[in-house]
Amino acid sequence: GIRQPKHLADQFGVIQTDPKNPAKIAYGNLIHNILAQVTSKKDISDAVNMFAEQGMIAHHEIEFYENEISEIISIEPVSDWFKENTTVANEREIIAKDGNLYRPDKVIMLENKTIVLDFKTGKKRKSYIDQLTNYGNLLTDMNYPNVEKYILFTKERELIPV
C-alpha cells in the first residue's frame, strides 16, 4: 500500500552535492523539495516561505522560486493536475510485493485516471524511464485506474510521457 514518509525533515536531509557545480545541485534539490509540498497554485507561497524560514532560500530569492514553481506547474497538461481538491500523494512510499520500497514524486488521482509524475533537473537518462515504468506497473497492480507516467524536466519545462 501507500504510506506517508516518516519525517518531513528526512526528505530535506538528502541534499546531493556535486563539487563541480554545487549551485546547480542546490537549485535542483530546492525545486524538487518545494514541488513535493505543492498540490495547487495556492500552496506555492507557503511552500517557498517554509524553505525560506528554514534558511534554505534567501529572502531575496523567494520571488524567484515562487515564479519558477508557478511556471513549472503551469505547463499543459500539468496545470490540470495541480488544481485545488485534486487528490495527490506526495513522495509516499509504495511497498512492492518483493518488499522493496519505491517513492514516486507525485501520484495524482483523477476521476478516471492516475498520473505518476517525477521531477528531474539533470540530463535525460534511460534509468528515469525504467523507474517510471516500474512505478506505473506497481500502481496498475494496486488497481489504480488508467495509469499514465510522466517525467517533468523542471529547468527545461519539458514534460515527457513514458
C-alpha atoms as a PDB file:
ATOM      1  CA  GLY A   1       0.000   0.000   0.000  1.00  0.00           C
ATOM      2  CA  ILE A   2       0.899   3.669   0.055  1.00  0.00           C
ATOM      3  CA  ARG A   3       2.064   5.218   3.304  1.00  0.00           C
ATOM      4  CA  GLN A   4       3.252   8.595   4.448  1.00  0.00           C
ATOM      5  CA  PRO A   5       7.005   9.163   4.764  1.00  0.00           C
ATOM      6  CA  LYS A   6       8.212   9.112   8.384  1.00  0.00           C
ATOM      7  CA  HIS A   7       9.724  12.566   8.798  1.00  0.00           C
ATOM      8  CA  LEU A   8       9.491  15.627   6.615  1.00  0.00           C
ATOM      9  CA  ALA A   9      12.992  16.538   7.739  1.00  0.00           C
ATOM     10  CA  ASP A  10      14.383  13.283   6.311  1.00  0.00           C
ATOM     11  CA  GLN A  11      13.332  14.306   2.810  1.00  0.00           C
ATOM     12  CA  PHE A  12      15.207  17.582   3.039  1.00  0.00           C
ATOM     13  CA  GLY A  13      18.273  15.981   4.614  1.00  0.00           C
ATOM     14  CA  VAL A  14      19.155  14.264   1.355  1.00  0.00           C
ATOM     15  CA  ILE A  15      20.932  17.075  -0.427  1.00  0.00           C
ATOM     16  CA  GLN A  16      23.227  15.733  -3.118  1.00  0.00           C
ATOM     17  CA  THR A  17      26.490  17.532  -3.721  1.00  0.00           C
ATOM     18  CA  ASP A  18      28.369  17.999  -6.933  1.00  0.00           C
ATOM     19  CA  PRO A  19      31.761  19.585  -6.250  1.00  0.00           C
ATOM     20  CA  LYS A  20      31.888  20.793  -9.869  1.00  0.00           C
ATOM     21  CA  ASN A  21      28.590  22.640  -9.643  1.00  0.00           C
ATOM     22  CA  PRO A  22      27.104  22.939  -6.155  1.00  0.00           C
ATOM     23  CA  ALA A  23      24.725  25.747  -7.153  1.00  0.00           C
ATOM     24  CA  LYS A  24      23.103  23.637  -9.870  1.00  0.00           C
ATOM     25  CA  ILE A  25      22.521  20.726  -7.468  1.00  0.00           C
ATOM     26  CA  ALA A  26      21.172  23.046  -4.756  1.00  0.00           C
ATOM     27  CA  TYR A  27      18.744  24.606  -7.247  1.00  0.00           C
ATOM     28  CA  GLY A  28      17.570  21.182  -8.410  1.00  0.00           C
ATOM     29  CA  ASN A  29      17.076  19.888  -4.895  1.00  0.00           C
ATOM     30  CA  LEU A  30      15.206  23.000  -3.785  1.00  0.00           C
ATOM     31  CA  ILE A  31      12.864  22.929  -6.787  1.00  0.00           C
ATOM     32  CA  HIS A  32      12.250  19.222  -6.177  1.00  0.00           C
ATOM     33  CA  ASN A  33      11.589  19.693  -2.454  1.00  0.00           C
ATOM     34  CA  ILE A  34       9.293  22.696  -2.960  1.00  0.00           C
ATOM     35  CA  LEU A  35       7.308  20.826  -5.630  1.00  0.00           C
ATOM     36  CA  ALA A  36       6.879  17.962  -3.152  1.00  0.00           C
ATOM     37  CA  GLN A  37       4.943  20.380  -0.908  1.00  0.00           C
ATOM     38  CA  VAL A  38       2.761  21.875  -3.629  1.00  0.00           C
ATOM     39  CA  THR A  39      -0.562  20.369  -4.710  1.00  0.00           C
ATOM     40  CA  SER A  40      -2.070  23.533  -6.226  1.00  0.00           C
ATOM     41  CA  LYS A  41      -1.057  27.120  -7.085  1.00  0.00           C
ATOM     42  CA  LYS A  42      -2.313  28.373  -3.739  1.00  0.00           C
ATOM     43  CA  ASP A  43       0.371  26.266  -1.940  1.00  0.00           C
ATOM     44  CA  ILE A  44       3.336  27.859  -3.717  1.00  0.00           C
ATOM     45  CA  SER A  45       3.875  30.869  -1.470  1.00  0.00           C
ATOM     46  CA  ASP A  46       3.568  28.856   1.767  1.00  0.00           C
ATOM     47  CA  ALA A  47       5.910  26.145   0.466  1.00  0.00           C
ATOM     48  CA  VAL A  48       8.592  28.609  -0.645  1.00  0.00           C
ATOM     49  CA  ASN A  49       8.294  30.576   2.598  1.00  0.00           C
ATOM     50  CA  MET A  50       8.673  27.362   4.634  1.00  0.00           C
ATOM     51  CA  PHE A  51      12.067  26.788   2.980  1.00  0.00           C
ATOM     52  CA  ALA A  52      12.990  30.432   3.489  1.00  0.00           C
ATOM     53  CA  GLU A  53      12.158  30.135   7.209  1.00  0.00           C
ATOM     54  CA  GLN A  54      14.419  27.065   7.390  1.00  0.00           C
ATOM     55  CA  GLY A  55      17.235  29.138   5.898  1.00  0.00           C
ATOM     56  CA  MET A  56      17.346  27.135   2.655  1.00  0.00           C
ATOM     57  CA  ILE A  57      16.193  30.066   0.496  1.00  0.00           C
ATOM     58  CA  ALA A  58      17.472  33.617   0.938  1.00  0.00           C
ATOM     59  CA  HIS A  59      14.862  36.333   1.377  1.00  0.00           C
ATOM     60  CA  HIS A  60      15.782  37.920  -1.974  1.00  0.00           C
ATOM     61  CA  GLU A  61      15.268  34.537  -3.732  1.00  0.00           C
ATOM     62  CA  ILE A  62      11.668  33.979  -2.565  1.00  0.00           C
ATOM     63  CA  GLU A  63      10.058  35.636  -5.579  1.00  0.00           C
ATOM     64  CA  PHE A  64      12.394  33.801  -7.983  1.00  0.00           C
ATOM     65  CA  TYR A  65      11.426  30.386  -6.567  1.00  0.00           C
ATOM     66  CA  GLU A  66       7.723  31.275  -6.439  1.00  0.00           C
ATOM     67  CA  ASN A  67       7.894  32.178 -10.141  1.00  0.00           C
ATOM     68  CA  GLU A  68       9.875  29.042 -11.032  1.00  0.00           C
ATOM     69  CA  ILE A  69       7.349  26.735  -9.338  1.00  0.00           C
ATOM     70  CA  SER A  70       4.411  28.644 -10.798  1.00  0.00           C
ATOM     71  CA  GLU A  71       5.838  28.319 -14.323  1.00  0.00           C
ATOM     72  CA  ILE A  72       6.627  24.624 -13.880  1.00  0.00           C
ATOM     73  CA  ILE A  73       3.117  23.726 -12.775  1.00  0.00           C
ATOM     74  CA  SER A  74       1.549  25.930 -15.467  1.00  0.00           C
ATOM     75  CA  ILE A  75       2.781  23.682 -18.294  1.00  0.00           C
ATOM     76  CA  GLU A  76      -0.061  21.927 -20.130  1.00  0.00           C
ATOM     77  CA  PRO A  77      -1.396  19.448 -19.120  1.00  0.00           C
ATOM     78  CA  VAL A  78       0.462  19.706 -15.772  1.00  0.00           C
ATOM     79  CA  SER A  79      -1.737  22.632 -14.728  1.00  0.00           C
ATOM     80  CA  ASP A  80      -4.743  20.264 -14.787  1.00  0.00           C
ATOM     81  CA  TRP A  81      -3.018  18.047 -12.191  1.00  0.00           C
ATOM     82  CA  PHE A  82      -2.377  20.927  -9.783  1.00  0.00           C
ATOM     83  CA  LYS A  83      -5.952  22.084  -9.302  1.00  0.00           C
ATOM     84  CA  GLU A  84      -7.451  22.509  -5.843  1.00  0.00           C
ATOM     85  CA  ASN A  85      -9.302  19.476  -4.491  1.00  0.00           C
ATOM     86  CA  THR A  86      -7.230  17.061  -6.580  1.00  0.00           C
ATOM     87  CA  THR A  87      -6.116  14.003  -4.607  1.00  0.00           C
ATOM     88  CA  VAL A  88      -2.315  13.890  -4.584  1.00  0.00           C
ATOM     89  CA  ALA A  89       0.113  11.552  -2.838  1.00  0.00           C
ATOM     90  CA  ASN A  90       3.439  13.395  -2.423  1.00  0.00           C
ATOM     91  CA  GLU A  91       6.513  11.175  -2.085  1.00  0.00           C
ATOM     92  CA  ARG A  92       4.549   8.362  -0.464  1.00  0.00           C
ATOM     93  CA  GLU A  93       6.270   5.039  -0.223  1.00  0.00           C
ATOM     94  CA  ILE A  94       4.884   2.157  -2.247  1.00  0.00           C
ATOM     95  CA  ILE A  95       5.744  -1.241  -0.840  1.00  0.00           C
ATOM     96  CA  ALA A  96       6.157  -3.734  -3.681  1.00  0.00           C
ATOM     97  CA  LYS A  97       5.352  -7.441  -3.377  1.00  0.00           C
ATOM     98  CA  ASP A  98       9.109  -8.140  -3.259  1.00  0.00           C
ATOM     99  CA  GLY A  99       9.360  -5.919  -0.169  1.00  0.00           C
ATOM    100  CA  ASN A 100      11.218  -3.096  -1.913  1.00  0.00           C
ATOM    101  CA  LEU A 101      10.142   0.491  -1.257  1.00  0.00           C
ATOM    102  CA  TYR A 102       9.539   2.966  -4.059  1.00  0.00           C
ATOM    103  CA  ARG A 103       8.749   6.654  -3.771  1.00  0.00           C
ATOM    104  CA  PRO A 104       7.389   8.437  -6.840  1.00  0.00           C
ATOM    105  CA  ASP A 105       7.463  12.234  -6.524  1.00  0.00           C
ATOM    106  CA  LYS A 106       3.713  12.560  -7.091  1.00  0.00           C
ATOM    107  CA  VAL A 107       0.801  10.252  -7.701  1.00  0.00           C
ATOM    108  CA  ILE A 108      -2.204  12.285  -8.811  1.00  0.00           C
ATOM    109  CA  MET A 109      -5.580  10.576  -8.639  1.00  0.00           C
ATOM    110  CA  LEU A 110      -8.072  11.982 -11.105  1.00  0.00           C
ATOM    111  CA  GLU A 111     -11.618  10.794 -11.712  1.00  0.00           C
ATOM    112  CA  ASN A 112     -10.793   8.138 -14.289  1.00  0.00           C
ATOM    113  CA  LYS A 113      -7.007   8.044 -14.435  1.00  0.00           C
ATOM    114  CA  THR A 114      -3.877   8.071 -12.323  1.00  0.00           C
ATOM    115  CA  ILE A 115      -0.854  10.235 -13.118  1.00  0.00           C
ATOM    116  CA  VAL A 116       2.635   9.293 -11.895  1.00  0.00           C
ATOM    117  CA  LEU A 117       4.871  12.339 -12.091  1.00  0.00           C
ATOM    118  CA  ASP A 118       8.588  12.506 -11.378  1.00  0.00           C
ATOM    119  CA  PHE A 119      10.577  15.745 -11.405  1.00  0.00           C
ATOM    120  CA  LYS A 120      14.103  15.771 -12.800  1.00  0.00           C
ATOM    121  CA  THR A 121      16.601  18.588 -13.142  1.00  0.00           C
ATOM    122  CA  GLY A 122      19.544  16.806 -14.739  1.00  0.00           C
ATOM    123  CA  LYS A 123      20.228  15.163 -18.057  1.00  0.00           C
ATOM    124  CA  LYS A 124      17.794  12.719 -19.631  1.00  0.00           C
ATOM    125  CA  ARG A 125      18.652   9.145 -18.643  1.00  0.00           C
ATOM    126  CA  LYS A 126      17.183   5.811 -19.638  1.00  0.00           C
ATOM    127  CA  SER A 127      17.091   4.865 -15.939  1.00  0.00           C
ATOM    128  CA  TYR A 128      14.390   7.535 -15.424  1.00  0.00           C
ATOM    129  CA  ILE A 129      12.140   5.806 -17.955  1.00  0.00           C
ATOM    130  CA  ASP A 130      12.737   2.430 -16.288  1.00  0.00           C
ATOM    131  CA  GLN A 131      11.941   3.978 -12.889  1.00  0.00           C
ATOM    132  CA  LEU A 132       8.642   5.478 -14.119  1.00  0.00           C
ATOM    133  CA  THR A 133       7.681   2.268 -15.925  1.00  0.00           C
ATOM    134  CA  ASN A 134       8.207   0.422 -12.655  1.00  0.00           C
ATOM    135  CA  TYR A 135       6.080   2.933 -10.691  1.00  0.00           C
ATOM    136  CA  GLY A 136       3.334   2.601 -13.288  1.00  0.00           C
ATOM    137  CA  ASN A 137       3.372  -1.196 -13.104  1.00  0.00           C
ATOM    138  CA  LEU A 138       3.204  -1.091  -9.291  1.00  0.00           C
ATOM    139  CA  LEU A 139       0.188   1.244  -9.342  1.00  0.00           C
ATOM    140  CA  THR A 140      -1.557  -0.813 -12.019  1.00  0.00           C
ATOM    141  CA  ASP A 141      -1.002  -3.924  -9.862  1.00  0.00           C
ATOM    142  CA  MET A 142      -2.621  -1.993  -6.982  1.00  0.00           C
ATOM    143  CA  ASN A 143      -5.702  -1.390  -9.201  1.00  0.00           C
ATOM    144  CA  TYR A 144      -5.177   2.313  -9.805  1.00  0.00           C
ATOM    145  CA  PRO A 145      -7.124   3.161 -12.999  1.00  0.00           C
ATOM    146  CA  ASN A 146      -5.514   4.081 -16.339  1.00  0.00           C
ATOM    147  CA  VAL A 147      -2.020   4.874 -15.075  1.00  0.00           C
ATOM    148  CA  GLU A 148      -0.137   7.498 -17.115  1.00  0.00           C
ATOM    149  CA  LYS A 149       3.544   8.139 -16.442  1.00  0.00           C
ATOM    150  CA  TYR A 150       5.457  11.376 -16.998  1.00  0.00           C
ATOM    151  CA  ILE A 151       8.868  12.861 -16.329  1.00  0.00           C
ATOM    152  CA  LEU A 152       8.943  16.630 -15.935  1.00  0.00           C
ATOM    153  CA  PHE A 153      12.325  18.221 -16.591  1.00  0.00           C
ATOM    154  CA  THR A 154      11.915  21.309 -14.450  1.00  0.00           C
ATOM    155  CA  LYS A 155      14.693  23.506 -15.841  1.00  0.00           C
ATOM    156  CA  GLU A 156      13.650  22.898 -19.451  1.00  0.00           C
ATOM    157  CA  ARG A 157       9.910  22.969 -18.587  1.00  0.00           C
ATOM    158  CA  GLU A 158       9.616  19.778 -20.649  1.00  0.00           C
ATOM    159  CA  LEU A 159       7.065  17.057 -19.966  1.00  0.00           C
ATOM    160  CA  ILE A 160       7.930  13.621 -21.343  1.00  0.00           C
ATOM    161  CA  PRO A 161       5.313  10.844 -21.419  1.00  0.00           C
ATOM    162  CA  VAL A 162       6.760   7.414 -20.581  1.00  0.00           C
END
